[in-house]
Amino acid sequence: MDDDTLRSIGELARLTGLTVKTIRFWSDAGVLPPTDRTPAGYRLYGRDALARLGLVRTLRDLGVDLAAIQRVLAREIGVAEVAAVHAEALDVQIRTLQLRRAVLRAAAGRGSTPEEMELMHKLAKLSDRERTGLINDFIDQVFEGLDVGPEFLAGLRAAVPQLPEDPTAEQVDAWVELAELVQDAEFRAGVRRAAADQVGSRELVGEPDPEAAVRLAELVRERTAAARAAGVDPASAAARPVLDELVAAYARLSGREDGPGFRAWLLERLEVSADSRYERYWHLVAVINGQPPAPAMAPAVEWLVGALRAV
């Protein structure tokens, strides 16, 4: 059979491995128009039919619809353009499947109820813009009208968590917990109280040196961790040397004198900012962003508060 021979649908089916039904359907759709017909009205196809069928099959396997294929064959658009559009669509589908897989793994790991799983899926499948909007709404409401400084707010917004395209179950779990946390009215009110208190403290004693503040935080963690490891009760006499050292360090950072008045002021500042969920916020952000969480400060502050109360 030479290249000029016309072929029936049955012959094309044998040569390509496609079913007669599929070839007929594609022909009816206009992507494989017949070259001629037999006297009985059966369709016949020319030598380009095999090449067209090969291209149609490839594009269909890639998920390209018949209307787009028809435009490609008519040379209204190129294969490269169609491929680019469908590659983007596949990227969205892949990301959706990855999120579903991560949600299922997280749900299995935490033994979620059907209601919790539904919430996890709803929150996880939000778009990047919607997730960013949720966190920015929290930041806007909590710090509205407070003179916390542009650098502080810029740092908060720069740290907005970005759920990766292929998140782990831990990252999905962290994102769901974070989404619930920032929508909690009590948490928002507590963070705002702490922020307002920090603004007031800054107006009273000035802005502390950032590096000195970091060193003080490290000192507080180190000394209180050693005390806890040794079983030192913060209300005991054995805690006094540690307390005196740390209070003196706070006084130097604040530019004030240690004494009963300063200790009462420091206790109030620590109690206002002692909500461990604020630290939990930053821990969850770090998990979602694939970063190591900062060292925990809450146990150290809890011990120090207990020691100050006992004085």
Protein backbone atom coordinates (compact mmCIF):
# COMPACT_ATOMS: atom_id res chain seq x y z
CA MET A 1 0.00 0.00 0.00
CA ASP A 2 1.62 3.30 -1.10
CA ASP A 3 1.32 6.70 0.56
CA ASP A 4 -1.41 7.83 -1.83
CA THR A 5 -3.72 5.03 -0.83
CA LEU A 6 -6.78 6.08 1.13
CA ARG A 7 -7.38 4.20 4.37
CA SER A 8 -10.56 3.35 6.20
CA ILE A 9 -11.11 3.91 9.92
CA GLY A 10 -10.59 0.20 10.51
CA GLU A 11 -7.19 0.29 8.80
CA LEU A 12 -6.14 3.34 10.79
CA ALA A 13 -7.21 1.55 13.96
CA ARG A 14 -5.03 -1.48 13.13
CA LEU A 15 -2.04 0.71 12.27
CA THR A 16 -2.26 2.96 15.35
CA GLY A 17 -3.73 0.68 18.02
CA LEU A 18 -6.53 3.18 18.62
CA THR A 19 -10.12 2.00 18.67
CA VAL A 20 -12.44 2.62 15.76
CA LYS A 21 -14.75 4.44 18.18
CA THR A 22 -12.00 6.86 19.24
CA ILE A 23 -10.93 7.64 15.68
CA ARG A 24 -14.54 8.18 14.63
CA PHE A 25 -15.10 10.49 17.61
CA TRP A 26 -12.02 12.56 16.75
CA SER A 27 -13.10 12.69 13.14
CA ASP A 28 -16.55 13.91 14.16
CA ALA A 29 -14.88 16.55 16.34
CA GLY A 30 -13.04 17.90 13.30
CA VAL A 31 -9.45 17.05 14.24
CA LEU A 32 -9.27 14.26 11.64
CA PRO A 33 -11.37 15.28 8.63
CA PRO A 34 -11.82 12.54 6.01
CA THR A 35 -10.12 12.99 2.65
CA ASP A 36 -12.90 11.20 0.74
CA ARG A 37 -15.78 8.75 1.14
CA THR A 38 -16.66 5.42 -0.46
CA PRO A 39 -19.75 5.14 -2.65
CA ALA A 40 -21.46 3.73 0.42
CA GLY A 41 -20.53 6.81 2.44
CA TYR A 42 -17.73 5.35 4.57
CA ARG A 43 -14.93 7.74 5.44
CA LEU A 44 -11.51 7.45 3.86
CA TYR A 45 -8.31 9.14 5.06
CA GLY A 46 -5.18 10.27 3.25
CA ARG A 47 -1.50 9.80 4.03
CA ASP A 48 -1.35 12.61 6.64
CA ALA A 49 -3.95 10.86 8.80
CA LEU A 50 -1.38 8.74 10.67
CA ALA A 51 0.72 11.80 11.56
CA ARG A 52 -2.35 13.75 12.69
CA LEU A 53 -3.53 10.84 14.79
CA GLY A 54 -0.11 10.61 16.42
CA LEU A 55 -0.17 14.29 17.35
CA VAL A 56 -3.78 14.16 18.54
CA ARG A 57 -3.06 11.14 20.71
CA THR A 58 0.01 12.80 22.27
CA LEU A 59 -1.81 16.05 23.02
CA ARG A 60 -4.85 14.22 24.43
CA ASP A 61 -2.58 12.15 26.69
CA LEU A 62 -1.21 15.45 27.99
CA GLY A 63 -4.72 16.67 28.75
CA VAL A 64 -5.12 19.11 25.86
CA ASP A 65 -8.77 19.52 24.85
CA LEU A 66 -9.97 18.83 21.31
CA ALA A 67 -10.80 22.48 20.61
CA ALA A 68 -7.19 23.47 21.30
CA ILE A 69 -5.93 20.55 19.23
CA GLN A 70 -8.07 21.64 16.32
CA ARG A 71 -6.53 25.13 16.52
CA VAL A 72 -3.04 23.62 16.56
CA LEU A 73 -3.80 21.49 13.48
CA ALA A 74 -5.27 24.53 11.77
CA ARG A 75 -2.05 26.37 12.73
CA GLU A 76 -3.93 29.09 14.55
CA ILE A 77 -1.68 28.46 17.55
CA GLY A 78 1.56 26.56 18.00
CA VAL A 79 2.22 23.40 19.93
CA ALA A 80 4.66 25.30 22.17
CA GLU A 81 1.98 27.79 23.21
CA VAL A 82 -0.50 25.02 23.99
CA ALA A 83 2.15 23.11 25.91
CA ALA A 84 3.02 26.15 28.04
CA VAL A 85 -0.62 26.79 29.01
CA HIS A 86 -1.24 23.17 29.90
CA ALA A 87 2.03 22.92 31.80
CA GLU A 88 0.81 25.76 34.03
CA ALA A 89 -2.50 23.98 34.52
CA LEU A 90 -0.67 20.79 35.45
CA ASP A 91 1.43 22.73 37.95
CA VAL A 92 -1.77 23.83 39.70
CA GLN A 93 -3.11 20.26 39.69
CA ILE A 94 0.16 18.89 41.05
CA ARG A 95 0.25 21.48 43.82
CA THR A 96 -3.36 20.62 44.72
CA LEU A 97 -2.53 16.93 44.90
CA GLN A 98 0.56 17.62 46.97
CA LEU A 99 -1.48 19.65 49.44
CA ARG A 100 -4.12 16.92 49.64
CA ARG A 101 -1.43 14.34 50.32
CA ALA A 102 0.11 16.50 53.04
CA VAL A 103 -3.30 17.13 54.63
CA LEU A 104 -4.04 13.40 54.67
CA ARG A 105 -0.67 12.64 56.26
CA ALA A 106 -1.17 15.35 58.86
CA ALA A 107 -4.68 14.13 59.62
CA ALA A 108 -3.44 10.55 59.96
CA GLY A 109 -0.60 11.65 62.23
CA ARG A 110 -2.80 13.64 64.62
CA GLY A 111 -5.78 11.27 64.50
CA SER A 112 -8.08 14.03 63.31
CA THR A 113 -11.85 13.96 63.52
CA PRO A 114 -13.80 14.45 60.26
CA GLU A 115 -14.49 18.05 61.31
CA GLU A 116 -10.80 18.76 61.97
CA MET A 117 -9.81 17.17 58.69
CA GLU A 118 -12.32 19.32 56.81
CA LEU A 119 -10.92 22.44 58.47
CA MET A 120 -7.34 21.37 57.69
CA HIS A 121 -8.18 20.86 54.04
CA LYS A 122 -10.06 24.16 53.82
CA LEU A 123 -7.20 26.15 55.32
CA ALA A 124 -4.42 24.30 53.49
CA LYS A 125 -5.93 24.81 50.06
CA LEU A 126 -6.14 28.60 50.40
CA SER A 127 -4.11 30.43 47.79
CA ASP A 128 -0.80 32.05 48.72
CA ARG A 129 -2.52 35.43 48.50
CA GLU A 130 -5.34 34.31 50.82
CA ARG A 131 -2.88 32.89 53.35
CA THR A 132 -0.82 36.09 53.27
CA GLY A 133 -4.01 38.12 53.66
CA LEU A 134 -4.98 36.13 56.76
CA ILE A 135 -1.68 36.94 58.47
CA ASN A 136 -1.66 40.58 57.32
CA ASP A 137 -5.18 41.02 58.68
CA PHE A 138 -3.91 39.78 62.05
CA ILE A 139 -0.97 42.21 61.94
CA ASP A 140 -3.16 45.15 60.85
CA GLN A 141 -5.74 44.64 63.59
CA VAL A 142 -3.35 43.88 66.43
CA PHE A 143 -0.93 46.76 65.84
CA GLU A 144 -3.29 49.39 64.43
CA GLY A 145 -2.61 52.77 66.02
CA LEU A 146 0.38 51.55 68.03
CA ASP A 147 3.73 53.26 67.50
CA VAL A 148 5.67 50.00 67.27
CA GLY A 149 7.93 51.41 64.55
CA PRO A 150 8.05 50.74 60.82
CA GLU A 151 10.98 48.33 61.13
CA PHE A 152 9.03 46.11 63.52
CA LEU A 153 6.02 45.91 61.22
CA ALA A 154 8.24 45.37 58.18
CA GLY A 155 9.90 42.48 59.99
CA LEU A 156 6.53 40.94 60.81
CA ARG A 157 5.35 41.18 57.21
CA ALA A 158 8.65 39.87 55.86
CA ALA A 159 8.23 36.79 58.04
CA VAL A 160 4.74 35.95 56.72
CA PRO A 161 4.81 32.15 56.33
CA GLN A 162 4.93 30.73 52.82
CA LEU A 163 3.62 27.18 52.57
CA PRO A 164 5.89 25.39 50.05
CA GLU A 165 4.53 23.72 46.93
CA ASP A 166 5.17 20.26 48.36
CA PRO A 167 4.65 20.73 52.11
CA THR A 168 5.32 18.12 54.74
CA ALA A 169 2.57 16.95 57.05
CA GLU A 170 4.28 18.94 59.83
CA GLN A 171 4.13 22.13 57.76
CA VAL A 172 0.43 21.66 56.97
CA ASP A 173 -0.25 20.95 60.64
CA ALA A 174 1.69 24.09 61.61
CA TRP A 175 -0.17 26.22 59.06
CA VAL A 176 -3.57 25.02 60.29
CA GLU A 177 -2.61 25.74 63.92
CA LEU A 178 -1.25 29.16 62.97
CA ALA A 179 -4.41 30.05 61.02
CA GLU A 180 -6.54 29.14 64.02
CA LEU A 181 -4.22 31.05 66.38
CA VAL A 182 -4.21 34.37 64.49
CA GLN A 183 -8.01 34.30 64.29
CA ASP A 184 -8.37 33.78 68.04
CA ALA A 185 -9.74 37.00 69.58
CA GLU A 186 -8.13 36.34 72.98
CA PHE A 187 -4.72 35.81 71.40
CA ARG A 188 -5.05 38.99 69.34
CA ALA A 189 -6.02 40.98 72.45
CA GLY A 190 -3.08 39.55 74.40
CA VAL A 191 -0.55 40.39 71.69
CA ARG A 192 -1.95 43.91 71.43
CA ARG A 193 -1.66 44.41 75.21
CA ALA A 194 1.96 43.22 75.12
CA ALA A 195 2.76 45.49 72.16
CA ALA A 196 1.15 48.50 73.84
CA ASP A 197 3.11 47.74 77.00
CA GLN A 198 6.37 47.60 75.03
CA VAL A 199 5.57 50.97 73.43
CA GLY A 200 4.99 52.45 76.87
CA SER A 201 8.21 50.95 78.22
CA ARG A 202 10.16 52.31 75.28
CA GLU A 203 8.80 55.79 75.94
CA LEU A 204 9.87 55.48 79.58
CA VAL A 205 13.35 53.95 79.29
CA GLY A 206 14.16 54.37 75.62
CA GLU A 207 14.93 51.82 72.91
CA PRO A 208 17.31 49.13 74.23
CA ASP A 209 20.40 48.22 72.25
CA PRO A 210 19.34 45.26 70.05
CA GLU A 211 22.60 43.32 70.51
CA ALA A 212 22.53 43.88 74.27
CA ALA A 213 18.91 42.68 74.35
CA VAL A 214 19.89 39.49 72.53
CA ARG A 215 22.75 38.88 74.96
CA LEU A 216 20.39 39.42 77.91
CA ALA A 217 17.90 36.92 76.49
CA GLU A 218 20.69 34.37 76.13
CA LEU A 219 21.82 35.03 79.70
CA VAL A 220 18.27 34.59 81.04
CA ARG A 221 17.84 31.30 79.17
CA GLU A 222 21.23 30.04 80.31
CA ARG A 223 20.89 30.92 83.99
CA THR A 224 17.29 29.80 84.41
CA ALA A 225 17.92 26.57 82.49
CA ALA A 226 20.78 25.74 84.85
CA ALA A 227 18.59 26.56 87.84
CA ARG A 228 15.76 24.39 86.59
CA ALA A 229 18.14 21.55 85.80
CA ALA A 230 19.46 21.77 89.37
CA GLY A 231 15.91 21.68 90.72
CA VAL A 232 16.08 25.19 92.17
CA ASP A 233 12.61 26.41 93.14
CA PRO A 234 12.21 30.03 91.95
CA ALA A 235 10.54 30.89 95.26
CA SER A 236 13.43 29.49 97.32
CA ALA A 237 16.40 31.27 98.86
CA ALA A 238 18.67 29.32 96.48
CA ALA A 239 17.10 31.24 93.57
CA ARG A 240 18.09 34.67 94.92
CA PRO A 241 21.64 34.84 93.44
CA VAL A 242 20.30 33.97 89.99
CA LEU A 243 17.45 36.44 90.35
CA ASP A 244 19.76 39.24 91.51
CA GLU A 245 22.12 38.67 88.58
CA LEU A 246 19.32 38.73 86.01
CA VAL A 247 17.50 41.73 87.51
CA ALA A 248 20.78 43.66 87.54
CA ALA A 249 21.24 42.82 83.86
CA TYR A 250 17.70 44.04 83.07
CA ALA A 251 18.37 47.25 85.02
CA ARG A 252 21.54 47.94 83.03
CA LEU A 253 19.72 47.37 79.76
CA SER A 254 16.94 49.74 80.85
CA GLY A 255 19.32 52.35 82.25
CA ARG A 256 17.66 52.17 85.68
CA GLU A 257 18.62 51.32 89.25
CA ASP A 258 17.82 47.93 90.72
CA GLY A 259 15.46 48.12 93.67
CA PRO A 260 11.90 47.28 94.81
CA GLY A 261 10.34 49.78 92.42
CA PHE A 262 12.28 48.51 89.44
CA ARG A 263 11.56 44.89 90.35
CA ALA A 264 7.83 45.58 90.57
CA TRP A 265 8.00 47.34 87.19
CA LEU A 266 9.99 44.47 85.63
CA LEU A 267 7.58 41.86 87.02
CA GLU A 268 4.64 43.69 85.46
CA ARG A 269 6.42 43.88 82.08
CA LEU A 270 7.24 40.17 82.13
CA GLU A 271 3.72 39.17 83.16
CA VAL A 272 2.14 41.21 80.37
CA SER A 273 4.36 39.57 77.76
CA ALA A 274 4.33 36.06 79.24
CA ASP A 275 1.73 34.54 76.89
CA SER A 276 3.51 31.45 75.55
CA ARG A 277 1.28 31.48 72.46
CA TYR A 278 3.17 34.50 71.12
CA GLU A 279 6.32 32.40 71.11
CA ARG A 280 4.27 29.61 69.59
CA TYR A 281 3.37 31.95 66.72
CA TRP A 282 7.04 32.35 65.78
CA HIS A 283 7.69 28.65 66.22
CA LEU A 284 4.90 27.81 63.74
CA VAL A 285 6.11 30.44 61.26
CA ALA A 286 9.58 28.89 61.36
CA VAL A 287 8.22 25.38 60.78
CA ILE A 288 6.12 26.50 57.81
CA ASN A 289 9.04 28.39 56.28
CA GLY A 290 11.38 25.45 56.79
CA GLN A 291 13.59 27.32 59.25
CA PRO A 292 14.93 26.24 62.65
CA PRO A 293 12.73 27.66 65.43
CA ALA A 294 14.31 30.19 67.80
CA PRO A 295 15.28 28.94 71.27
CA ALA A 296 12.28 28.88 73.61
CA MET A 297 12.06 31.79 76.04
CA ALA A 298 8.79 30.95 77.81
CA PRO A 299 10.24 28.51 80.41
CA ALA A 300 12.92 31.04 81.33
CA VAL A 301 10.42 33.88 81.75
CA GLU A 302 8.10 31.64 83.78
CA TRP A 303 10.91 30.81 86.22
CA LEU A 304 11.98 34.45 86.48
CA VAL A 305 8.42 35.63 87.10
CA GLY A 306 8.07 33.05 89.87
CA ALA A 307 11.29 34.29 91.47
CA LEU A 308 10.21 37.96 91.29
CA ARG A 309 6.82 37.17 92.80
CA ALA A 310 8.48 35.45 95.73
CA VAL A 311 10.60 38.46 96.65
